[in-house]
Amino acid sequence: MIEKEFIIKNETGLHARSAAMLIKTAGSFTSDVSIIRDDKTGNAKSLLSVLALGIFKGARIKIQVSGPDEVAALYKIGKLIENNFSEEEE
């Protein structure tokens, strides 16, 4: 299992479009991907789970990945977050 912390810089936080992009990216890997905010954990492959975390701009989150392709998954998800959910990175 590996994990990395991020600060959300996207103006709208992790809502609708950005959440859908994250879920699509996480779903392309076989590893389990979780998002942790404060004391809540959500499945990064589930829209309802991600939205229930209420992640707004400036929120500090942790992405936790466990599985056979965990390094690639964390790298790709990290790039998506760091590039402010820009479609140009896909």
N, C-alpha and C. Protein backbone atom coordinates (compact mmCIF):
# COMPACT_ATOMS: atom_id res chain seq x y z
N MET A 1 0.84 -1.18 0.00
CA MET A 1 0.00 0.00 0.00
C MET A 1 0.89 1.25 0.00
N ILE A 2 0.49 2.22 -0.83
CA ILE A 2 1.20 3.49 -0.86
C ILE A 2 0.18 4.62 -0.74
N GLU A 3 0.65 5.78 -0.29
CA GLU A 3 -0.25 6.91 -0.15
C GLU A 3 0.51 8.22 -0.31
N LYS A 4 -0.24 9.25 -0.66
CA LYS A 4 0.35 10.57 -0.83
C LYS A 4 -0.70 11.61 -0.48
N GLU A 5 -0.24 12.71 0.09
CA GLU A 5 -1.14 13.79 0.49
C GLU A 5 -1.15 14.89 -0.58
N PHE A 6 -2.32 15.48 -0.77
CA PHE A 6 -2.51 16.55 -1.75
C PHE A 6 -3.37 17.65 -1.15
N ILE A 7 -3.24 18.85 -1.69
CA ILE A 7 -4.14 19.96 -1.35
C ILE A 7 -4.90 20.28 -2.63
N ILE A 8 -6.21 20.30 -2.54
CA ILE A 8 -7.05 20.55 -3.70
C ILE A 8 -7.01 22.04 -4.04
N LYS A 9 -6.61 22.34 -5.27
CA LYS A 9 -6.49 23.73 -5.72
C LYS A 9 -7.60 24.12 -6.69
N ASN A 10 -8.35 23.15 -7.16
CA ASN A 10 -9.44 23.40 -8.09
C ASN A 10 -10.49 24.30 -7.44
N GLU A 11 -10.93 25.34 -8.14
CA GLU A 11 -11.88 26.32 -7.60
C GLU A 11 -13.15 25.69 -7.05
N THR A 12 -13.65 24.66 -7.72
CA THR A 12 -14.90 24.04 -7.28
C THR A 12 -14.67 22.82 -6.39
N GLY A 13 -13.44 22.57 -6.04
CA GLY A 13 -13.13 21.42 -5.21
C GLY A 13 -13.28 20.13 -6.01
N LEU A 14 -13.72 19.09 -5.36
CA LEU A 14 -13.89 17.80 -6.01
C LEU A 14 -15.38 17.56 -6.21
N HIS A 15 -15.95 18.21 -7.20
CA HIS A 15 -17.38 18.12 -7.49
C HIS A 15 -17.59 17.83 -8.95
N ALA A 16 -18.70 17.21 -9.28
CA ALA A 16 -19.17 16.91 -10.63
C ALA A 16 -18.06 16.53 -11.61
N ARG A 17 -17.60 17.46 -12.41
CA ARG A 17 -16.66 17.16 -13.49
C ARG A 17 -15.34 16.62 -12.96
N SER A 18 -14.76 17.28 -11.97
CA SER A 18 -13.47 16.82 -11.45
C SER A 18 -13.59 15.47 -10.75
N ALA A 19 -14.69 15.26 -10.05
CA ALA A 19 -14.91 13.97 -9.38
C ALA A 19 -15.07 12.87 -10.43
N ALA A 20 -15.79 13.16 -11.51
CA ALA A 20 -15.96 12.17 -12.58
C ALA A 20 -14.62 11.82 -13.22
N MET A 21 -13.77 12.81 -13.40
CA MET A 21 -12.44 12.55 -13.97
C MET A 21 -11.61 11.67 -13.04
N LEU A 22 -11.68 11.95 -11.75
CA LEU A 22 -10.94 11.15 -10.77
C LEU A 22 -11.45 9.71 -10.77
N ILE A 23 -12.75 9.53 -10.78
CA ILE A 23 -13.34 8.19 -10.75
C ILE A 23 -12.97 7.41 -12.00
N LYS A 24 -13.00 8.07 -13.15
CA LYS A 24 -12.62 7.42 -14.40
C LYS A 24 -11.16 6.97 -14.35
N THR A 25 -10.30 7.84 -13.85
CA THR A 25 -8.88 7.50 -13.76
C THR A 25 -8.67 6.35 -12.77
N ALA A 26 -9.25 6.45 -11.59
CA ALA A 26 -9.10 5.40 -10.57
C ALA A 26 -9.66 4.07 -11.07
N GLY A 27 -10.76 4.13 -11.80
CA GLY A 27 -11.40 2.92 -12.31
C GLY A 27 -10.61 2.22 -13.40
N SER A 28 -9.64 2.90 -13.97
CA SER A 28 -8.84 2.28 -15.02
C SER A 28 -7.73 1.39 -14.45
N PHE A 29 -7.63 1.33 -13.14
CA PHE A 29 -6.62 0.50 -12.47
C PHE A 29 -7.30 -0.60 -11.66
N THR A 30 -6.61 -1.72 -11.46
CA THR A 30 -7.18 -2.81 -10.68
C THR A 30 -6.99 -2.60 -9.18
N SER A 31 -6.07 -1.77 -8.79
CA SER A 31 -5.81 -1.51 -7.37
C SER A 31 -7.00 -0.83 -6.70
N ASP A 32 -7.12 -1.03 -5.40
CA ASP A 32 -8.11 -0.31 -4.60
C ASP A 32 -7.58 1.10 -4.38
N VAL A 33 -8.44 2.09 -4.60
CA VAL A 33 -8.05 3.48 -4.43
C VAL A 33 -9.01 4.15 -3.46
N SER A 34 -8.46 4.73 -2.40
CA SER A 34 -9.27 5.42 -1.40
C SER A 34 -8.85 6.87 -1.28
N ILE A 35 -9.82 7.70 -0.92
CA ILE A 35 -9.56 9.11 -0.62
C ILE A 35 -9.87 9.29 0.85
N ILE A 36 -8.94 9.92 1.57
CA ILE A 36 -9.13 10.17 3.00
C ILE A 36 -9.13 11.67 3.23
N ARG A 37 -10.18 12.15 3.86
CA ARG A 37 -10.27 13.56 4.25
C ARG A 37 -10.66 13.60 5.72
N ASP A 38 -9.81 14.21 6.51
CA ASP A 38 -10.00 14.22 7.97
C ASP A 38 -10.14 12.78 8.46
N ASP A 39 -11.27 12.43 9.04
CA ASP A 39 -11.43 11.07 9.55
C ASP A 39 -12.38 10.23 8.68
N LYS A 40 -12.66 10.72 7.46
CA LYS A 40 -13.56 10.00 6.56
C LYS A 40 -12.79 9.41 5.39
N THR A 41 -13.18 8.20 5.01
CA THR A 41 -12.55 7.52 3.89
C THR A 41 -13.61 7.18 2.85
N GLY A 42 -13.28 7.42 1.58
CA GLY A 42 -14.20 7.11 0.51
C GLY A 42 -13.52 6.31 -0.58
N ASN A 43 -14.32 5.54 -1.30
CA ASN A 43 -13.84 4.75 -2.43
C ASN A 43 -13.71 5.68 -3.64
N ALA A 44 -12.52 5.83 -4.19
CA ALA A 44 -12.27 6.74 -5.30
C ALA A 44 -12.86 6.25 -6.61
N LYS A 45 -13.47 5.06 -6.61
CA LYS A 45 -14.11 4.54 -7.81
C LYS A 45 -15.63 4.71 -7.76
N SER A 46 -16.12 5.40 -6.72
CA SER A 46 -17.56 5.59 -6.52
C SER A 46 -17.89 7.07 -6.44
N LEU A 47 -18.74 7.55 -7.33
CA LEU A 47 -19.11 8.95 -7.35
C LEU A 47 -19.76 9.38 -6.04
N LEU A 48 -20.70 8.60 -5.54
CA LEU A 48 -21.38 8.95 -4.29
C LEU A 48 -20.40 9.01 -3.12
N SER A 49 -19.48 8.08 -3.09
CA SER A 49 -18.49 8.04 -2.03
C SER A 49 -17.58 9.27 -2.06
N VAL A 50 -17.16 9.67 -3.26
CA VAL A 50 -16.29 10.84 -3.41
C VAL A 50 -17.04 12.12 -3.03
N LEU A 51 -18.24 12.28 -3.55
CA LEU A 51 -19.01 13.48 -3.27
C LEU A 51 -19.39 13.60 -1.79
N ALA A 52 -19.60 12.46 -1.13
CA ALA A 52 -19.97 12.47 0.29
C ALA A 52 -18.86 13.02 1.18
N LEU A 53 -17.62 13.02 0.69
CA LEU A 53 -16.51 13.54 1.48
C LEU A 53 -16.52 15.07 1.57
N GLY A 54 -17.25 15.72 0.67
CA GLY A 54 -17.34 17.19 0.70
C GLY A 54 -15.98 17.87 0.57
N ILE A 55 -15.27 17.57 -0.48
CA ILE A 55 -13.92 18.10 -0.67
C ILE A 55 -13.98 19.42 -1.43
N PHE A 56 -13.60 20.49 -0.76
CA PHE A 56 -13.63 21.83 -1.34
C PHE A 56 -12.21 22.32 -1.62
N LYS A 57 -12.12 23.45 -2.30
CA LYS A 57 -10.82 24.06 -2.57
C LYS A 57 -10.07 24.28 -1.26
N GLY A 58 -8.81 23.92 -1.23
CA GLY A 58 -7.99 24.08 -0.05
C GLY A 58 -8.00 22.88 0.89
N ALA A 59 -8.85 21.91 0.60
CA ALA A 59 -8.93 20.71 1.45
C ALA A 59 -7.66 19.88 1.30
N ARG A 60 -7.22 19.33 2.40
CA ARG A 60 -6.06 18.43 2.40
C ARG A 60 -6.61 17.00 2.38
N ILE A 61 -6.22 16.26 1.35
CA ILE A 61 -6.68 14.88 1.22
C ILE A 61 -5.49 13.94 1.10
N LYS A 62 -5.75 12.68 1.32
CA LYS A 62 -4.73 11.66 1.15
C LYS A 62 -5.29 10.63 0.17
N ILE A 63 -4.51 10.27 -0.83
CA ILE A 63 -4.88 9.20 -1.75
C ILE A 63 -4.10 7.97 -1.32
N GLN A 64 -4.83 6.88 -1.10
CA GLN A 64 -4.23 5.64 -0.63
C GLN A 64 -4.54 4.56 -1.68
N VAL A 65 -3.50 3.87 -2.15
CA VAL A 65 -3.67 2.88 -3.22
C VAL A 65 -3.03 1.56 -2.79
N SER A 66 -3.77 0.48 -3.05
CA SER A 66 -3.26 -0.84 -2.68
C SER A 66 -3.61 -1.83 -3.79
N GLY A 67 -2.59 -2.46 -4.35
CA GLY A 67 -2.83 -3.45 -5.39
C GLY A 67 -1.66 -3.59 -6.34
N PRO A 68 -1.84 -4.42 -7.36
CA PRO A 68 -0.73 -4.73 -8.26
C PRO A 68 -0.22 -3.57 -9.10
N ASP A 69 -1.08 -2.59 -9.38
CA ASP A 69 -0.64 -1.45 -10.19
C ASP A 69 -0.70 -0.15 -9.39
N GLU A 70 -0.43 -0.26 -8.09
CA GLU A 70 -0.57 0.89 -7.19
C GLU A 70 0.35 2.07 -7.53
N VAL A 71 1.56 1.80 -7.95
CA VAL A 71 2.48 2.89 -8.27
C VAL A 71 1.97 3.69 -9.47
N ALA A 72 1.57 2.99 -10.52
CA ALA A 72 1.05 3.66 -11.72
C ALA A 72 -0.23 4.41 -11.39
N ALA A 73 -1.09 3.81 -10.57
CA ALA A 73 -2.36 4.45 -10.21
C ALA A 73 -2.12 5.74 -9.43
N LEU A 74 -1.26 5.69 -8.43
CA LEU A 74 -0.99 6.88 -7.63
C LEU A 74 -0.33 7.96 -8.49
N TYR A 75 0.54 7.57 -9.38
CA TYR A 75 1.19 8.54 -10.26
C TYR A 75 0.15 9.25 -11.13
N LYS A 76 -0.71 8.48 -11.79
CA LYS A 76 -1.70 9.05 -12.71
C LYS A 76 -2.72 9.92 -11.96
N ILE A 77 -3.19 9.46 -10.82
CA ILE A 77 -4.15 10.24 -10.02
C ILE A 77 -3.48 11.50 -9.48
N GLY A 78 -2.25 11.37 -9.04
CA GLY A 78 -1.50 12.52 -8.54
C GLY A 78 -1.33 13.58 -9.60
N LYS A 79 -0.98 13.16 -10.82
CA LYS A 79 -0.83 14.10 -11.93
C LYS A 79 -2.15 14.82 -12.22
N LEU A 80 -3.25 14.09 -12.17
CA LEU A 80 -4.57 14.67 -12.42
C LEU A 80 -4.87 15.76 -11.38
N ILE A 81 -4.61 15.47 -10.12
CA ILE A 81 -4.87 16.44 -9.05
C ILE A 81 -3.92 17.63 -9.16
N GLU A 82 -2.64 17.36 -9.34
CA GLU A 82 -1.65 18.43 -9.42
C GLU A 82 -1.86 19.35 -10.63
N ASN A 83 -2.43 18.80 -11.71
CA ASN A 83 -2.71 19.61 -12.90
C ASN A 83 -4.11 20.20 -12.87
N ASN A 84 -4.69 20.24 -11.67
CA ASN A 84 -5.98 20.89 -11.46
C ASN A 84 -7.10 20.31 -12.33
N PHE A 85 -7.04 18.99 -12.54
CA PHE A 85 -8.06 18.26 -13.30
C PHE A 85 -8.18 18.76 -14.73
N SER A 86 -7.05 19.13 -15.31
CA SER A 86 -7.00 19.59 -16.70
C SER A 86 -7.10 18.39 -17.63
N GLU A 87 -7.95 18.48 -18.63
CA GLU A 87 -8.12 17.37 -19.58
C GLU A 87 -6.89 17.21 -20.47
N GLU A 88 -6.05 18.19 -20.54
CA GLU A 88 -4.86 18.12 -21.37
C GLU A 88 -3.91 17.01 -20.93
N GLU A 89 -3.96 16.61 -19.66
CA GLU A 89 -3.05 15.59 -19.15
C GLU A 89 -3.47 14.19 -19.52
N GLU A 90 -4.71 14.00 -19.97
CA GLU A 90 -5.18 12.65 -20.27
C GLU A 90 -4.66 12.12 -21.55
